[in-house]
Amino acid sequence: MTEHQDPPPAAEVQLPPRRPLRPLDQFQGTLAQRVHASLREAILSMSLRPGDIVRKPEICETLGVSRSPVSEAVARLAVEHLVRIVPQAGTYVARFSLDEVREGAFLREALELAAVERVASTVTDEQLVLLRRNLRLQEALVEDLDIAGFYQTDAAMHELILSLTGFRRVASLADSAWVHVNRARQLLLPAKGRVQATLDEHRAIIAAIEARDPAAAREATRSHLGKLVGFLEPLALTHPDLFEPD
């Protein structure tokens, strides 16, 4: 492991900046589905942080909706384990659970290793153009120090690889498995050297797909995904306020 891939010291871990809830006209679906999408995005991006109180009247005012779609959205978030509803106490953004992170990483790795191996065997020249274009955008975002933009393009690369398998449900299954890891990894990307290390890992994955080498693509993806849990586990000790006790 290179120096910049070592787990970041606690002092270097910074929470991403808070951002307002995105307006509902930027989402699709029913009113409750759009409220859910806006709140879910805020939780996954750490704009709403582990332990934060979910204040429904404020959400209603911010999004310009009544209490009913907000309550429906919060109930759905509770099923996803992204919020905790405590009777007589309130609703809180769920803290990270290492058990859920480990399980999600295990499931996502199983899906994505199979996917990248298949893609490396079947990729077309047109599909390679899409992968290279995504990688160039990642490089530009790193150069511009746009962490949030890099995070979104990173996710888009993984979704693209999954979609290139030709199987319609793989991407949604992987997203569901990955949701808790995805949220927790927001603690890592602002850390010194982690964004560049992630970009280097992505380059290795795309290079192996370009070479149409399934074994190399699988190994590069395994190395990339396997680092995350190892980086996150020490943070449960250094940032206990963000994690549920084991």
Protein backbone atom coordinates (compact mmCIF):
# COMPACT_ATOMS: atom_id res chain seq x y z
CA MET A 1 0.00 0.00 0.00
CA THR A 2 1.38 3.38 -0.92
CA GLU A 3 1.79 6.17 1.58
CA HIS A 4 -1.22 8.16 0.47
CA GLN A 5 -3.44 5.06 0.87
CA ASP A 6 -2.79 4.72 4.61
CA PRO A 7 -5.87 5.30 6.79
CA PRO A 8 -6.19 9.04 7.44
CA PRO A 9 -5.45 10.24 10.96
CA ALA A 10 -8.47 11.42 12.93
CA ALA A 11 -7.41 15.06 12.77
CA GLU A 12 -7.54 15.02 8.97
CA VAL A 13 -11.08 13.66 8.68
CA GLN A 14 -13.50 16.49 7.97
CA LEU A 15 -17.25 16.31 7.62
CA PRO A 16 -18.47 17.52 4.22
CA PRO A 17 -20.17 20.93 4.26
CA ARG A 18 -23.89 21.07 4.93
CA ARG A 19 -26.05 21.99 1.97
CA PRO A 20 -29.76 22.86 1.84
CA LEU A 21 -32.30 20.27 0.76
CA ARG A 22 -32.59 20.13 -3.01
CA PRO A 23 -35.93 21.48 -4.34
CA LEU A 24 -38.53 18.87 -5.20
CA ASP A 25 -38.83 19.99 -8.83
CA GLN A 26 -35.39 18.45 -9.38
CA PHE A 27 -36.73 14.94 -8.63
CA GLN A 28 -39.29 12.67 -10.24
CA GLY A 29 -42.18 10.64 -8.83
CA THR A 30 -45.03 11.30 -6.46
CA LEU A 31 -44.76 14.07 -3.89
CA ALA A 32 -43.76 11.61 -1.16
CA GLN A 33 -41.20 9.98 -3.46
CA ARG A 34 -39.63 13.34 -4.23
CA VAL A 35 -39.50 14.30 -0.54
CA HIS A 36 -37.87 10.94 0.15
CA ALA A 37 -35.32 11.49 -2.62
CA SER A 38 -34.40 14.95 -1.32
CA LEU A 39 -34.02 13.77 2.28
CA ARG A 40 -32.16 10.60 1.26
CA GLU A 41 -29.70 12.64 -0.80
CA ALA A 42 -29.11 14.96 2.16
CA ILE A 43 -28.45 12.01 4.48
CA LEU A 44 -26.12 10.22 2.04
CA SER A 45 -24.18 13.41 1.36
CA MET A 46 -23.89 14.12 5.11
CA SER A 47 -25.77 17.41 4.83
CA LEU A 48 -27.98 15.73 7.41
CA ARG A 49 -25.51 14.07 9.75
CA PRO A 50 -25.60 11.04 12.04
CA GLY A 51 -27.49 11.96 15.20
CA ASP A 52 -29.18 15.05 13.72
CA ILE A 53 -32.80 15.56 14.75
CA VAL A 54 -35.21 15.24 11.83
CA ARG A 55 -37.61 18.15 12.34
CA LYS A 56 -40.66 17.58 10.18
CA PRO A 57 -42.09 21.13 10.46
CA GLU A 58 -38.80 22.57 9.18
CA ILE A 59 -38.73 20.08 6.30
CA CYS A 60 -42.33 20.97 5.41
CA GLU A 61 -41.46 24.66 5.34
CA THR A 62 -38.23 24.18 3.38
CA LEU A 63 -39.76 21.94 0.71
CA GLY A 64 -43.16 23.65 0.65
CA VAL A 65 -45.22 20.55 1.41
CA SER A 66 -47.67 19.33 4.02
CA ARG A 67 -46.80 16.95 6.83
CA SER A 68 -48.24 13.84 5.15
CA PRO A 69 -45.63 13.32 2.36
CA VAL A 70 -42.84 14.13 4.83
CA SER A 71 -44.12 11.50 7.27
CA GLU A 72 -44.38 8.97 4.45
CA ALA A 73 -40.83 9.76 3.30
CA VAL A 74 -39.43 9.49 6.83
CA ALA A 75 -41.14 6.12 7.33
CA ARG A 76 -39.47 4.85 4.16
CA LEU A 77 -36.09 6.15 5.35
CA ALA A 78 -36.62 4.25 8.60
CA VAL A 79 -37.12 1.01 6.64
CA GLU A 80 -33.79 1.74 4.90
CA HIS A 81 -32.16 2.25 8.33
CA LEU A 82 -31.22 5.81 7.41
CA VAL A 83 -33.29 7.34 10.23
CA ARG A 84 -34.29 6.07 13.66
CA ILE A 85 -37.75 6.80 15.02
CA VAL A 86 -37.65 6.81 18.82
CA PRO A 87 -41.14 6.84 20.37
CA GLN A 88 -41.75 9.82 22.67
CA ALA A 89 -38.31 11.18 21.81
CA GLY A 90 -38.17 12.06 18.13
CA THR A 91 -36.67 11.03 14.82
CA TYR A 92 -32.91 11.08 14.25
CA VAL A 93 -30.57 10.50 11.35
CA ALA A 94 -29.15 7.04 11.98
CA ARG A 95 -25.57 6.76 13.13
CA PHE A 96 -23.25 4.51 11.15
CA SER A 97 -23.32 0.82 11.96
CA LEU A 98 -20.12 -1.08 11.24
CA ASP A 99 -22.15 -4.28 10.95
CA GLU A 100 -24.25 -2.74 8.18
CA VAL A 101 -21.16 -1.27 6.53
CA ARG A 102 -19.41 -4.66 6.51
CA GLU A 103 -22.49 -6.46 5.20
CA GLY A 104 -23.08 -3.86 2.50
CA ALA A 105 -19.45 -3.99 1.40
CA PHE A 106 -19.60 -7.80 1.22
CA LEU A 107 -22.74 -7.79 -0.94
CA ARG A 108 -21.56 -4.96 -3.22
CA GLU A 109 -18.18 -6.60 -3.75
CA ALA A 110 -19.80 -9.88 -4.76
CA LEU A 111 -21.98 -8.11 -7.33
CA GLU A 112 -19.37 -5.74 -8.70
CA LEU A 113 -16.58 -8.31 -9.05
CA ALA A 114 -18.88 -10.48 -11.16
CA ALA A 115 -20.00 -7.43 -13.12
CA VAL A 116 -16.56 -6.06 -13.96
CA GLU A 117 -15.34 -9.51 -14.99
CA ARG A 118 -18.26 -9.81 -17.40
CA VAL A 119 -17.81 -6.28 -18.74
CA ALA A 120 -14.10 -6.82 -19.40
CA SER A 121 -15.06 -9.84 -21.50
CA THR A 122 -17.84 -8.16 -23.47
CA VAL A 123 -17.04 -4.42 -23.61
CA THR A 124 -17.45 -2.69 -26.97
CA ASP A 125 -15.47 0.21 -28.34
CA GLU A 126 -18.51 2.47 -27.86
CA GLN A 127 -18.78 1.46 -24.21
CA LEU A 128 -15.08 2.14 -23.68
CA VAL A 129 -15.66 5.68 -24.93
CA LEU A 130 -18.22 6.18 -22.13
CA LEU A 131 -15.83 4.81 -19.50
CA ARG A 132 -12.92 6.96 -20.69
CA ARG A 133 -15.15 10.04 -20.78
CA ASN A 134 -16.18 9.44 -17.17
CA LEU A 135 -12.54 9.01 -16.15
CA ARG A 136 -11.52 12.26 -17.83
CA LEU A 137 -14.28 14.06 -15.95
CA GLN A 138 -13.03 12.56 -12.68
CA GLU A 139 -9.53 13.84 -13.46
CA ALA A 140 -10.86 17.35 -14.15
CA LEU A 141 -12.84 17.38 -10.91
CA VAL A 142 -9.81 16.29 -8.89
CA GLU A 143 -7.77 19.03 -10.53
CA ASP A 144 -10.48 21.56 -9.61
CA LEU A 145 -10.66 20.20 -6.02
CA ASP A 146 -14.38 19.57 -6.52
CA ILE A 147 -14.91 16.80 -3.95
CA ALA A 148 -18.69 16.70 -4.27
CA GLY A 149 -18.51 16.54 -8.06
CA PHE A 150 -15.88 13.79 -7.90
CA TYR A 151 -18.05 11.80 -5.50
CA GLN A 152 -20.99 11.94 -7.94
CA THR A 153 -18.85 11.01 -10.95
CA ASP A 154 -17.23 8.18 -8.97
CA ALA A 155 -20.70 6.76 -8.28
CA ALA A 156 -21.64 7.22 -11.95
CA MET A 157 -18.60 5.17 -13.03
CA HIS A 158 -19.59 2.24 -10.84
CA GLU A 159 -23.21 2.48 -12.01
CA LEU A 160 -22.02 2.52 -15.63
CA ILE A 161 -19.94 -0.62 -15.18
CA LEU A 162 -22.89 -2.38 -13.55
CA SER A 163 -25.24 -1.27 -16.33
CA LEU A 164 -22.85 -2.55 -19.01
CA THR A 165 -23.52 -6.11 -17.84
CA GLY A 166 -26.85 -5.85 -19.63
CA PHE A 167 -28.72 -7.00 -16.53
CA ARG A 168 -31.42 -4.50 -15.54
CA ARG A 169 -31.58 -5.12 -11.78
CA VAL A 170 -27.88 -5.36 -10.96
CA ALA A 171 -27.34 -1.61 -10.48
CA SER A 172 -30.34 -1.19 -8.17
CA LEU A 173 -29.36 -4.26 -6.12
CA ALA A 174 -25.82 -2.94 -5.76
CA ASP A 175 -27.07 0.52 -4.77
CA SER A 176 -29.30 -0.95 -2.08
CA ALA A 177 -26.42 -3.05 -0.71
CA TRP A 178 -23.98 -0.13 -0.81
CA VAL A 179 -26.10 2.59 0.76
CA HIS A 180 -24.53 2.53 4.24
CA VAL A 181 -20.98 2.26 2.91
CA ASN A 182 -21.69 5.07 0.49
CA ARG A 183 -22.75 7.37 3.30
CA ALA A 184 -19.84 6.47 5.56
CA ARG A 185 -17.25 6.96 2.81
CA GLN A 186 -18.10 10.65 2.80
CA LEU A 187 -15.79 10.77 5.83
CA LEU A 188 -12.87 9.60 3.69
CA LEU A 189 -12.94 11.58 0.47
CA PRO A 190 -12.04 14.92 2.09
CA ALA A 191 -9.04 13.25 3.77
CA LYS A 192 -5.62 14.16 2.44
CA GLY A 193 -4.60 11.98 -0.50
CA ARG A 194 -7.74 9.85 -0.54
CA VAL A 195 -9.32 11.44 -3.62
CA GLN A 196 -6.13 11.02 -5.66
CA ALA A 197 -5.77 7.43 -4.44
CA THR A 198 -9.36 6.70 -5.45
CA LEU A 199 -8.74 8.17 -8.89
CA ASP A 200 -5.64 6.00 -9.31
CA GLU A 201 -7.68 2.93 -8.37
CA HIS A 202 -10.33 3.87 -10.94
CA ARG A 203 -7.64 4.24 -13.61
CA ALA A 204 -6.46 0.70 -12.88
CA ILE A 205 -10.01 -0.66 -13.24
CA ILE A 206 -10.64 1.12 -16.54
CA ALA A 207 -7.20 0.11 -17.88
CA ALA A 208 -7.98 -3.54 -17.18
CA ILE A 209 -11.35 -3.25 -18.92
CA GLU A 210 -9.65 -1.53 -21.90
CA ALA A 211 -7.21 -4.44 -22.04
CA ARG A 212 -10.21 -6.79 -21.99
CA ASP A 213 -8.56 -8.67 -19.14
CA PRO A 214 -11.28 -10.06 -16.83
CA ALA A 215 -8.86 -11.32 -14.17
CA ALA A 216 -7.03 -7.97 -13.94
CA ALA A 217 -10.33 -6.06 -13.87
CA ARG A 218 -11.60 -8.27 -11.06
CA GLU A 219 -8.39 -7.84 -9.04
CA ALA A 220 -8.29 -4.05 -9.53
CA THR A 221 -11.92 -3.80 -8.41
CA ARG A 222 -11.34 -6.09 -5.43
CA SER A 223 -8.40 -3.95 -4.33
CA HIS A 224 -10.43 -0.75 -4.73
CA LEU A 225 -13.57 -1.90 -2.91
CA GLY A 226 -11.69 -3.85 -0.25
CA LYS A 227 -9.91 -0.76 1.08
CA LEU A 228 -13.07 1.02 2.18
CA VAL A 229 -13.98 -1.04 5.24
CA GLY A 230 -10.37 -1.02 6.40
CA PHE A 231 -10.36 2.77 6.22
CA LEU A 232 -13.72 3.12 7.95
CA GLU A 233 -13.26 0.78 10.91
CA PRO A 234 -10.70 3.00 12.73
CA LEU A 235 -13.10 5.95 12.46
CA ALA A 236 -15.52 4.20 14.81
CA LEU A 237 -12.87 4.67 17.51
CA THR A 238 -11.81 8.20 16.60
CA HIS A 239 -15.36 9.48 15.91
CA PRO A 240 -17.61 7.47 18.29
CA ASP A 241 -20.32 10.14 18.08
CA LEU A 242 -20.96 9.13 14.47
CA PHE A 243 -21.17 5.35 15.01
CA GLU A 244 -23.46 2.98 16.85
CA PRO A 245 -21.63 0.89 19.49
CA ASP A 246 -20.78 -2.60 18.22
